[in-house]
């Protein structure tokens, strides 16, 4: 299910979103993902936002399909040469289609109860040994931030257990703290894994 209040919060802040600095840990993890995917591989950027990461991955020689639930983000991504489509996490229905799936701070907008189902769909959409990148905020509970966006927070242990149960093998975990669109500093986790 898509949360309209979260989409509305993003729709009115495309330029602000693009100006948020990317933490060095995330830049390094994004490059590690690009290098882990087979050369020229087909990648899904899931919850791609305005397409900045998609554009980066394209520059690394990957074929990228981007989906996001915010029309303003999809429009911006398309205007900048990204193969972007309006869609939600529930639209991941492919089987063995992608060499990589990149979900950078997107799945945190889904309800906690849906997280295992989304991980399973991602696993199924990946080719054998396909690469998965997951970025989430660390914490507990589910609540809205100061911009009225819905967030689900996880502990590192919860993430590791959910991914193992789904059949992922974790290759690398990085944690850090960074400022987001709302201006708050939050702990985050970046996971690189494979199917």
C-alpha atoms as a PDB file:
ATOM      1  CA  UNK A   1       0.000   0.000   0.000  1.00  0.00           C
ATOM      2  CA  UNK A   2       1.205   3.500  -0.864  1.00  0.00           C
ATOM      3  CA  UNK A   3       1.098   6.242   1.752  1.00  0.00           C
ATOM      4  CA  UNK A   4      -0.358   9.395   0.178  1.00  0.00           C
ATOM      5  CA  UNK A   5       0.986  11.690   2.905  1.00  0.00           C
ATOM      6  CA  UNK A   6       4.531  10.490   2.263  1.00  0.00           C
ATOM      7  CA  UNK A   7       4.149  10.982  -1.499  1.00  0.00           C
ATOM      8  CA  UNK A   8       2.723  14.476  -0.939  1.00  0.00           C
ATOM      9  CA  UNK A   9       5.676  15.364   1.293  1.00  0.00           C
ATOM     10  CA  UNK A  10       8.109  14.391  -1.472  1.00  0.00           C
ATOM     11  CA  UNK A  11       6.076  15.923  -4.318  1.00  0.00           C
ATOM     12  CA  UNK A  12       6.485  19.426  -2.945  1.00  0.00           C
ATOM     13  CA  UNK A  13      10.197  19.041  -2.140  1.00  0.00           C
ATOM     14  CA  UNK A  14      11.963  17.669  -5.229  1.00  0.00           C
ATOM     15  CA  UNK A  15      14.583  20.456  -5.315  1.00  0.00           C
ATOM     16  CA  UNK A  16      15.151  20.207  -1.548  1.00  0.00           C
ATOM     17  CA  UNK A  17      15.588  16.433  -1.821  1.00  0.00           C
ATOM     18  CA  UNK A  18      18.201  16.854  -4.551  1.00  0.00           C
ATOM     19  CA  UNK A  19      20.199  19.255  -2.361  1.00  0.00           C
ATOM     20  CA  UNK A  20      20.544  16.879   0.635  1.00  0.00           C
ATOM     21  CA  UNK A  21      24.230  15.872   0.929  1.00  0.00           C
ATOM     22  CA  UNK A  22      24.944  12.170   0.486  1.00  0.00           C
ATOM     23  CA  UNK A  23      27.012  10.714   3.360  1.00  0.00           C
ATOM     24  CA  UNK A  24      30.437   9.382   2.280  1.00  0.00           C
ATOM     25  CA  UNK A  25      29.474   5.907   3.497  1.00  0.00           C
ATOM     26  CA  UNK A  26      26.537   5.893   1.094  1.00  0.00           C
ATOM     27  CA  UNK A  27      28.659   7.083  -1.841  1.00  0.00           C
ATOM     28  CA  UNK A  28      31.124   4.269  -1.159  1.00  0.00           C
ATOM     29  CA  UNK A  29      28.345   1.672  -0.768  1.00  0.00           C
ATOM     30  CA  UNK A  30      26.699   2.785  -4.019  1.00  0.00           C
ATOM     31  CA  UNK A  31      30.000   2.288  -5.853  1.00  0.00           C
ATOM     32  CA  UNK A  32      30.479  -1.110  -4.187  1.00  0.00           C
ATOM     33  CA  UNK A  33      27.034  -2.131  -5.484  1.00  0.00           C
ATOM     34  CA  UNK A  34      27.854  -0.948  -9.019  1.00  0.00           C
ATOM     35  CA  UNK A  35      31.134  -2.874  -8.965  1.00  0.00           C
ATOM     36  CA  UNK A  36      29.477  -6.037  -7.605  1.00  0.00           C
ATOM     37  CA  UNK A  37      26.882  -6.202 -10.394  1.00  0.00           C
ATOM     38  CA  UNK A  38      27.963  -8.045 -13.530  1.00  0.00           C
ATOM     39  CA  UNK A  39      29.301  -5.681 -16.212  1.00  0.00           C
ATOM     40  CA  UNK A  40      26.442  -4.176 -18.228  1.00  0.00           C
ATOM     41  CA  UNK A  41      23.946  -5.809 -15.878  1.00  0.00           C
ATOM     42  CA  UNK A  42      20.238  -5.044 -15.615  1.00  0.00           C
ATOM     43  CA  UNK A  43      19.390  -3.239 -12.360  1.00  0.00           C
ATOM     44  CA  UNK A  44      16.145  -2.208 -10.680  1.00  0.00           C
ATOM     45  CA  UNK A  45      16.340   1.002  -8.650  1.00  0.00           C
ATOM     46  CA  UNK A  46      13.434   0.419  -6.271  1.00  0.00           C
ATOM     47  CA  UNK A  47      12.025   3.633  -4.811  1.00  0.00           C
ATOM     48  CA  UNK A  48      14.397   5.599  -7.005  1.00  0.00           C
ATOM     49  CA  UNK A  49      13.340   9.064  -5.919  1.00  0.00           C
ATOM     50  CA  UNK A  50      14.333  11.695  -8.500  1.00  0.00           C
ATOM     51  CA  UNK A  51      16.748   9.248 -10.133  1.00  0.00           C
ATOM     52  CA  UNK A  52      20.134  10.493  -8.926  1.00  0.00           C
ATOM     53  CA  UNK A  53      21.366   7.004  -8.033  1.00  0.00           C
ATOM     54  CA  UNK A  54      19.872   5.590 -11.234  1.00  0.00           C
ATOM     55  CA  UNK A  55      21.818   8.140 -13.282  1.00  0.00           C
ATOM     56  CA  UNK A  56      25.003   7.256 -11.390  1.00  0.00           C
ATOM     57  CA  UNK A  57      24.467   3.532 -12.015  1.00  0.00           C
ATOM     58  CA  UNK A  58      23.860   4.219 -15.713  1.00  0.00           C
ATOM     59  CA  UNK A  59      27.165   6.090 -15.872  1.00  0.00           C
ATOM     60  CA  UNK A  60      28.812   2.930 -14.520  1.00  0.00           C
ATOM     61  CA  UNK A  61      27.545   1.056 -17.582  1.00  0.00           C
ATOM     62  CA  UNK A  62      24.531  -0.644 -15.994  1.00  0.00           C
ATOM     63  CA  UNK A  63      21.070  -0.856 -17.600  1.00  0.00           C
ATOM     64  CA  UNK A  64      18.709   0.673 -15.051  1.00  0.00           C
ATOM     65  CA  UNK A  65      14.947   0.498 -14.643  1.00  0.00           C
ATOM     66  CA  UNK A  66      13.726   2.891 -11.941  1.00  0.00           C
ATOM     67  CA  UNK A  67      10.382   2.877 -10.153  1.00  0.00           C
ATOM     68  CA  UNK A  68       8.974   5.292  -7.615  1.00  0.00           C
ATOM     69  CA  UNK A  69       5.516   6.105  -6.271  1.00  0.00           C
ATOM     70  CA  UNK A  70       5.982   9.887  -6.435  1.00  0.00           C
ATOM     71  CA  UNK A  71       4.973  11.277  -9.854  1.00  0.00           C
ATOM     72  CA  UNK A  72       7.168  14.394  -9.461  1.00  0.00           C
ATOM     73  CA  UNK A  73      10.217  12.181  -8.832  1.00  0.00           C
ATOM     74  CA  UNK A  74       9.465   9.985 -11.850  1.00  0.00           C
ATOM     75  CA  UNK A  75       9.062  13.055 -14.060  1.00  0.00           C
ATOM     76  CA  UNK A  76      12.364  14.522 -12.863  1.00  0.00           C
ATOM     77  CA  UNK A  77      14.177  11.227 -13.431  1.00  0.00           C
ATOM     78  CA  UNK A  78      12.769  10.883 -16.963  1.00  0.00           C
ATOM     79  CA  UNK A  79      13.785  14.462 -17.788  1.00  0.00           C
ATOM     80  CA  UNK A  80      17.334  13.462 -16.843  1.00  0.00           C
ATOM     81  CA  UNK A  81      17.545  10.375 -19.044  1.00  0.00           C
ATOM     82  CA  UNK A  82      16.464   7.695 -16.568  1.00  0.00           C
ATOM     83  CA  UNK A  83      14.100   4.877 -17.581  1.00  0.00           C
ATOM     84  CA  UNK A  84      11.725   5.738 -14.738  1.00  0.00           C
ATOM     85  CA  UNK A  85       8.221   4.411 -14.110  1.00  0.00           C
ATOM     86  CA  UNK A  86       5.483   5.157 -11.616  1.00  0.00           C
ATOM     87  CA  UNK A  87       5.140   2.148  -9.325  1.00  0.00           C
ATOM     88  CA  UNK A  88       5.210   0.746  -5.823  1.00  0.00           C
ATOM     89  CA  UNK A  89       7.019  -2.048  -4.020  1.00  0.00           C
ATOM     90  CA  UNK A  90       4.097  -4.323  -4.906  1.00  0.00           C
ATOM     91  CA  UNK A  91       4.943  -3.890  -8.599  1.00  0.00           C
ATOM     92  CA  UNK A  92       8.075  -6.022  -8.201  1.00  0.00           C
ATOM     93  CA  UNK A  93       6.630  -9.190  -9.742  1.00  0.00           C
ATOM     94  CA  UNK A  94       9.440 -10.282 -12.061  1.00  0.00           C
ATOM     95  CA  UNK A  95      11.270 -13.598 -11.712  1.00  0.00           C
ATOM     96  CA  UNK A  96      15.037 -13.891 -12.243  1.00  0.00           C
ATOM     97  CA  UNK A  97      14.998 -10.612 -14.206  1.00  0.00           C
ATOM     98  CA  UNK A  98      17.650  -8.442 -12.560  1.00  0.00           C
ATOM     99  CA  UNK A  99      21.380  -8.701 -11.932  1.00  0.00           C
ATOM    100  CA  UNK A 100      20.936  -6.209  -9.109  1.00  0.00           C
ATOM    101  CA  UNK A 101      18.258  -4.481  -7.059  1.00  0.00           C
ATOM    102  CA  UNK A 102      19.091  -1.159  -5.426  1.00  0.00           C
ATOM    103  CA  UNK A 103      16.739  -0.067  -2.597  1.00  0.00           C
ATOM    104  CA  UNK A 104      18.286   3.007  -1.034  1.00  0.00           C
ATOM    105  CA  UNK A 105      16.189   4.375   1.836  1.00  0.00           C
ATOM    106  CA  UNK A 106      12.936   3.407   0.147  1.00  0.00           C
ATOM    107  CA  UNK A 107      11.668   0.266   1.892  1.00  0.00           C
ATOM    108  CA  UNK A 108      11.654   2.195   5.169  1.00  0.00           C
ATOM    109  CA  UNK A 109       8.411   3.780   3.956  1.00  0.00           C
ATOM    110  CA  UNK A 110       6.626   0.403   3.869  1.00  0.00           C
ATOM    111  CA  UNK A 111       4.786  -0.959   6.909  1.00  0.00           C
ATOM    112  CA  UNK A 112       6.858  -3.357   9.028  1.00  0.00           C
ATOM    113  CA  UNK A 113       4.373  -6.178   8.366  1.00  0.00           C
ATOM    114  CA  UNK A 114       5.076  -5.908   4.622  1.00  0.00           C
ATOM    115  CA  UNK A 115       8.883  -5.980   4.881  1.00  0.00           C
ATOM    116  CA  UNK A 116       9.285  -9.798   4.624  1.00  0.00           C
ATOM    117  CA  UNK A 117       6.963  -9.909   1.612  1.00  0.00           C
ATOM    118  CA  UNK A 118       8.898  -7.172  -0.172  1.00  0.00           C
ATOM    119  CA  UNK A 119      12.228  -8.887   0.542  1.00  0.00           C
ATOM    120  CA  UNK A 120      10.840 -12.128  -0.914  1.00  0.00           C
ATOM    121  CA  UNK A 121       9.688 -10.344  -4.077  1.00  0.00           C
ATOM    122  CA  UNK A 122      13.137  -8.765  -4.478  1.00  0.00           C
ATOM    123  CA  UNK A 123      14.852 -12.115  -3.978  1.00  0.00           C
ATOM    124  CA  UNK A 124      12.594 -13.702  -6.597  1.00  0.00           C
ATOM    125  CA  UNK A 125      13.221 -10.827  -9.042  1.00  0.00           C
ATOM    126  CA  UNK A 126      17.001 -11.301  -8.825  1.00  0.00           C
ATOM    127  CA  UNK A 127      18.901 -13.733 -10.993  1.00  0.00           C
ATOM    128  CA  UNK A 128      20.871 -16.386  -9.064  1.00  0.00           C
ATOM    129  CA  UNK A 129      23.690 -14.636  -7.152  1.00  0.00           C
ATOM    130  CA  UNK A 130      22.156 -11.250  -8.057  1.00  0.00           C
ATOM    131  CA  UNK A 131      23.269  -8.296  -5.934  1.00  0.00           C
ATOM    132  CA  UNK A 132      20.992  -6.493  -3.475  1.00  0.00           C
ATOM    133  CA  UNK A 133      21.652  -3.129  -1.842  1.00  0.00           C
ATOM    134  CA  UNK A 134      19.468  -2.051   1.065  1.00  0.00           C
ATOM    135  CA  UNK A 135      19.661   1.267   2.901  1.00  0.00           C
ATOM    136  CA  UNK A 136      17.473   1.834   5.964  1.00  0.00           C
ATOM    137  CA  UNK A 137      17.345   4.036   9.059  1.00  0.00           C
ATOM    138  CA  UNK A 138      18.193   2.329  12.326  1.00  0.00           C
ATOM    139  CA  UNK A 139      15.812   2.502  15.264  1.00  0.00           C
ATOM    140  CA  UNK A 140      12.584   1.067  16.584  1.00  0.00           C
ATOM    141  CA  UNK A 141       8.909   1.412  15.806  1.00  0.00           C
ATOM    142  CA  UNK A 142       6.921   3.101  13.067  1.00  0.00           C
ATOM    143  CA  UNK A 143       6.063   6.795  13.045  1.00  0.00           C
ATOM    144  CA  UNK A 144       5.886   9.952  10.946  1.00  0.00           C
ATOM    145  CA  UNK A 145       8.716  12.455  10.769  1.00  0.00           C
ATOM    146  CA  UNK A 146       8.430  16.252  10.853  1.00  0.00           C
ATOM    147  CA  UNK A 147       7.544  16.279   7.135  1.00  0.00           C
ATOM    148  CA  UNK A 148       4.680  13.790   7.684  1.00  0.00           C
ATOM    149  CA  UNK A 149       6.505  10.910   5.964  1.00  0.00           C
ATOM    150  CA  UNK A 150       5.783   7.405   7.235  1.00  0.00           C
ATOM    151  CA  UNK A 151       8.874   5.567   8.512  1.00  0.00           C
ATOM    152  CA  UNK A 152       9.554   2.068   9.734  1.00  0.00           C
ATOM    153  CA  UNK A 153      12.766   1.652  11.722  1.00  0.00           C
ATOM    154  CA  UNK A 154      14.724  -1.580  12.172  1.00  0.00           C
ATOM    155  CA  UNK A 155      17.608  -2.804  14.289  1.00  0.00           C
ATOM    156  CA  UNK A 156      20.628  -4.340  12.590  1.00  0.00           C
ATOM    157  CA  UNK A 157      19.700  -7.725  14.082  1.00  0.00           C
ATOM    158  CA  UNK A 158      16.158  -7.515  12.668  1.00  0.00           C
ATOM    159  CA  UNK A 159      17.519  -6.742   9.206  1.00  0.00           C
ATOM    160  CA  UNK A 160      20.103  -9.524   9.307  1.00  0.00           C
ATOM    161  CA  UNK A 161      17.507 -12.069  10.448  1.00  0.00           C
ATOM    162  CA  UNK A 162      14.925 -10.997   7.846  1.00  0.00           C
ATOM    163  CA  UNK A 163      17.451 -11.160   5.027  1.00  0.00           C
ATOM    164  CA  UNK A 164      18.785 -14.561   6.086  1.00  0.00           C
ATOM    165  CA  UNK A 165      15.241 -15.926   6.340  1.00  0.00           C
ATOM    166  CA  UNK A 166      14.562 -14.716   2.792  1.00  0.00           C
ATOM    167  CA  UNK A 167      17.673 -16.448   1.434  1.00  0.00           C
ATOM    168  CA  UNK A 168      20.074 -13.533   1.101  1.00  0.00           C
ATOM    169  CA  UNK A 169      23.741 -13.813   2.007  1.00  0.00           C
ATOM    170  CA  UNK A 170      25.075 -10.579   3.474  1.00  0.00           C
ATOM    171  CA  UNK A 171      28.453  -9.535   2.079  1.00  0.00           C
ATOM    172  CA  UNK A 172      28.974  -6.217   3.813  1.00  0.00           C
ATOM    173  CA  UNK A 173      27.307  -3.948   6.359  1.00  0.00           C
ATOM    174  CA  UNK A 174      28.136  -0.288   6.930  1.00  0.00           C
ATOM    175  CA  UNK A 175      26.542   1.941   9.554  1.00  0.00           C
ATOM    176  CA  UNK A 176      26.694   5.670  10.068  1.00  0.00           C
ATOM    177  CA  UNK A 177      24.792   8.832  10.938  1.00  0.00           C
ATOM    178  CA  UNK A 178      23.529  11.413   8.484  1.00  0.00           C
ATOM    179  CA  UNK A 179      21.132  14.319   8.044  1.00  0.00           C
ATOM    180  CA  UNK A 180      18.092  13.730   5.872  1.00  0.00           C
ATOM    181  CA  UNK A 181      15.491  15.898   4.164  1.00  0.00           C
ATOM    182  CA  UNK A 182      13.787  16.745   7.473  1.00  0.00           C
ATOM    183  CA  UNK A 183      17.087  18.001   8.907  1.00  0.00           C
ATOM    184  CA  UNK A 184      17.299  15.395  11.676  1.00  0.00           C
ATOM    185  CA  UNK A 185      20.405  13.286  12.176  1.00  0.00           C
ATOM    186  CA  UNK A 186      19.582   9.578  12.085  1.00  0.00           C
ATOM    187  CA  UNK A 187      21.532   6.365  12.323  1.00  0.00           C
ATOM    188  CA  UNK A 188      21.499   4.335   9.130  1.00  0.00           C
ATOM    189  CA  UNK A 189      22.547   0.938   7.835  1.00  0.00           C
ATOM    190  CA  UNK A 190      23.754   0.032   4.336  1.00  0.00           C
ATOM    191  CA  UNK A 191      23.669  -3.656   3.428  1.00  0.00           C
ATOM    192  CA  UNK A 192      25.234  -5.286   0.399  1.00  0.00           C
ATOM    193  CA  UNK A 193      24.062  -8.854  -0.139  1.00  0.00           C
ATOM    194  CA  UNK A 194      23.446 -11.441  -2.843  1.00  0.00           C
ATOM    195  CA  UNK A 195      20.693 -13.918  -3.636  1.00  0.00           C
END
